[in-house]
Amino acid sequence: MTSRHDGLSEFVSRNGRIKLVKLVLSHGWSVPQLATELEVTRHAVYLWLKRNETHPCNANLDKLIDLAASVDRARTIEIIYGDVATFQTLLAEKFENV
């Protein structure tokens, strides 16, 4: 049995995903434009922006990462590296006594 792995998107948190959405929107994109680009409804994007609602799925995240990088590559990298650093810290804390 082969397992599916969605690459980088597997390691981006809900919070990181929302930061990427907000990054794109902060660079002049509207919710309808973002929804069209990601092939989702405007309602989906609005739900992503509500705290504790939902977030972009892995397939949408791949597109979102590319879009975010096109508007602000440095900030996109910072957001993703921040998630990786948090993950590493949590792993270290979890297994420090093992």
C-alpha atoms as a PDB file:
ATOM      1  CA  MET A   1       0.000   0.000   0.000  1.00  0.00           C
ATOM      2  CA  THR A   2       1.400   3.372  -1.025  1.00  0.00           C
ATOM      3  CA  SER A   3       0.798   6.349   1.217  1.00  0.00           C
ATOM      4  CA  ARG A   4       0.102   9.767  -0.164  1.00  0.00           C
ATOM      5  CA  HIS A   5       2.335  12.665   0.753  1.00  0.00           C
ATOM      6  CA  ASP A   6       1.479  16.198  -0.287  1.00  0.00           C
ATOM      7  CA  GLY A   7       4.986  17.612   0.043  1.00  0.00           C
ATOM      8  CA  LEU A   8       5.565  20.945   1.702  1.00  0.00           C
ATOM      9  CA  SER A   9       1.876  21.557   2.289  1.00  0.00           C
ATOM     10  CA  GLU A  10       1.840  18.698   4.823  1.00  0.00           C
ATOM     11  CA  PHE A  11       3.968  20.839   7.139  1.00  0.00           C
ATOM     12  CA  VAL A  12       2.217  24.206   7.004  1.00  0.00           C
ATOM     13  CA  SER A  13      -0.071  24.826   9.959  1.00  0.00           C
ATOM     14  CA  ARG A  14      -3.578  26.243   9.833  1.00  0.00           C
ATOM     15  CA  ASN A  15      -2.166  29.480  11.214  1.00  0.00           C
ATOM     16  CA  GLY A  16       0.539  29.541   8.531  1.00  0.00           C
ATOM     17  CA  ARG A  17      -2.037  28.928   5.820  1.00  0.00           C
ATOM     18  CA  ILE A  18      -4.145  31.835   7.036  1.00  0.00           C
ATOM     19  CA  LYS A  19      -1.065  34.079   7.187  1.00  0.00           C
ATOM     20  CA  LEU A  20      -0.421  33.254   3.526  1.00  0.00           C
ATOM     21  CA  VAL A  21      -4.018  34.125   2.606  1.00  0.00           C
ATOM     22  CA  LYS A  22      -3.728  37.432   4.465  1.00  0.00           C
ATOM     23  CA  LEU A  23      -0.367  38.123   2.827  1.00  0.00           C
ATOM     24  CA  VAL A  24      -1.885  37.824  -0.640  1.00  0.00           C
ATOM     25  CA  LEU A  25      -4.870  39.960   0.345  1.00  0.00           C
ATOM     26  CA  SER A  26      -2.558  42.613   1.828  1.00  0.00           C
ATOM     27  CA  HIS A  27      -0.918  43.004  -1.578  1.00  0.00           C
ATOM     28  CA  GLY A  28      -4.052  44.273  -3.277  1.00  0.00           C
ATOM     29  CA  TRP A  29      -5.821  41.036  -4.084  1.00  0.00           C
ATOM     30  CA  SER A  30      -9.535  40.901  -3.326  1.00  0.00           C
ATOM     31  CA  VAL A  31     -11.309  37.897  -1.846  1.00  0.00           C
ATOM     32  CA  PRO A  32     -13.122  37.254  -5.166  1.00  0.00           C
ATOM     33  CA  GLN A  33      -9.825  37.404  -7.082  1.00  0.00           C
ATOM     34  CA  LEU A  34      -8.153  35.000  -4.668  1.00  0.00           C
ATOM     35  CA  ALA A  35     -11.125  32.648  -4.787  1.00  0.00           C
ATOM     36  CA  THR A  36     -11.051  32.614  -8.581  1.00  0.00           C
ATOM     37  CA  GLU A  37      -7.286  32.002  -8.672  1.00  0.00           C
ATOM     38  CA  LEU A  38      -7.554  29.093  -6.217  1.00  0.00           C
ATOM     39  CA  GLU A  39     -10.739  27.770  -7.846  1.00  0.00           C
ATOM     40  CA  VAL A  40     -12.780  27.963  -4.650  1.00  0.00           C
ATOM     41  CA  THR A  41     -15.806  30.011  -3.661  1.00  0.00           C
ATOM     42  CA  ARG A  42     -15.589  33.427  -2.053  1.00  0.00           C
ATOM     43  CA  HIS A  43     -17.423  31.883   0.871  1.00  0.00           C
ATOM     44  CA  ALA A  44     -14.560  29.412   1.345  1.00  0.00           C
ATOM     45  CA  VAL A  45     -12.029  32.249   1.518  1.00  0.00           C
ATOM     46  CA  TYR A  46     -14.178  34.152   4.022  1.00  0.00           C
ATOM     47  CA  LEU A  47     -14.392  31.004   6.161  1.00  0.00           C
ATOM     48  CA  TRP A  48     -10.596  30.679   6.055  1.00  0.00           C
ATOM     49  CA  LEU A  49     -10.375  34.183   7.486  1.00  0.00           C
ATOM     50  CA  LYS A  50     -12.689  33.394  10.401  1.00  0.00           C
ATOM     51  CA  ARG A  51     -10.868  32.148  13.456  1.00  0.00           C
ATOM     52  CA  ASN A  52     -11.329  28.411  14.136  1.00  0.00           C
ATOM     53  CA  GLU A  53     -13.388  27.821  11.019  1.00  0.00           C
ATOM     54  CA  THR A  54     -11.504  26.104   8.208  1.00  0.00           C
ATOM     55  CA  HIS A  55      -8.348  26.558   6.137  1.00  0.00           C
ATOM     56  CA  PRO A  56      -7.023  25.913   2.630  1.00  0.00           C
ATOM     57  CA  CYS A  57      -6.584  22.207   1.885  1.00  0.00           C
ATOM     58  CA  ASN A  58      -3.224  20.885   0.712  1.00  0.00           C
ATOM     59  CA  ALA A  59      -4.134  21.161  -2.983  1.00  0.00           C
ATOM     60  CA  ASN A  60      -5.166  24.803  -2.540  1.00  0.00           C
ATOM     61  CA  LEU A  61      -2.136  25.480  -0.380  1.00  0.00           C
ATOM     62  CA  ASP A  62       0.285  24.547  -3.145  1.00  0.00           C
ATOM     63  CA  LYS A  63      -1.298  27.211  -5.355  1.00  0.00           C
ATOM     64  CA  LEU A  64      -1.460  29.649  -2.448  1.00  0.00           C
ATOM     65  CA  ILE A  65       2.251  29.251  -1.678  1.00  0.00           C
ATOM     66  CA  ASP A  66       3.114  30.026  -5.310  1.00  0.00           C
ATOM     67  CA  LEU A  67       0.810  33.040  -5.313  1.00  0.00           C
ATOM     68  CA  ALA A  68       2.118  34.340  -1.975  1.00  0.00           C
ATOM     69  CA  ALA A  69       5.702  33.944  -3.177  1.00  0.00           C
ATOM     70  CA  SER A  70       4.867  35.937  -6.293  1.00  0.00           C
ATOM     71  CA  VAL A  71       3.671  38.901  -4.189  1.00  0.00           C
ATOM     72  CA  ASP A  72       6.229  38.676  -1.349  1.00  0.00           C
ATOM     73  CA  ARG A  73       8.783  35.893  -1.582  1.00  0.00           C
ATOM     74  CA  ALA A  74      10.689  36.849   1.576  1.00  0.00           C
ATOM     75  CA  ARG A  75       7.584  36.975   3.786  1.00  0.00           C
ATOM     76  CA  THR A  76       6.285  33.701   2.320  1.00  0.00           C
ATOM     77  CA  ILE A  77       9.550  31.970   3.195  1.00  0.00           C
ATOM     78  CA  GLU A  78       9.471  33.537   6.669  1.00  0.00           C
ATOM     79  CA  ILE A  79       5.957  32.200   7.307  1.00  0.00           C
ATOM     80  CA  ILE A  80       6.825  28.667   6.188  1.00  0.00           C
ATOM     81  CA  TYR A  81      10.161  28.571   8.021  1.00  0.00           C
ATOM     82  CA  GLY A  82       8.339  29.811  11.129  1.00  0.00           C
ATOM     83  CA  ASP A  83       6.053  26.789  10.976  1.00  0.00           C
ATOM     84  CA  VAL A  84       9.017  24.453  10.516  1.00  0.00           C
ATOM     85  CA  ALA A  85      10.791  26.018  13.511  1.00  0.00           C
ATOM     86  CA  THR A  86       7.679  25.633  15.658  1.00  0.00           C
ATOM     87  CA  PHE A  87       7.391  21.997  14.598  1.00  0.00           C
ATOM     88  CA  GLN A  88      11.028  21.365  15.499  1.00  0.00           C
ATOM     89  CA  THR A  89      10.573  22.988  18.899  1.00  0.00           C
ATOM     90  CA  LEU A  90       7.490  20.913  19.639  1.00  0.00           C
ATOM     91  CA  LEU A  91       9.304  17.725  18.636  1.00  0.00           C
ATOM     92  CA  ALA A  92      12.257  18.572  20.858  1.00  0.00           C
ATOM     93  CA  GLU A  93       9.966  19.289  23.814  1.00  0.00           C
ATOM     94  CA  LYS A  94       7.993  16.097  23.261  1.00  0.00           C
ATOM     95  CA  PHE A  95      11.019  13.834  23.106  1.00  0.00           C
ATOM     96  CA  GLU A  96      13.543  15.590  25.326  1.00  0.00           C
ATOM     97  CA  ASN A  97      13.203  12.947  28.029  1.00  0.00           C
ATOM     98  CA  VAL A  98      13.094   9.951  25.716  1.00  0.00           C
END
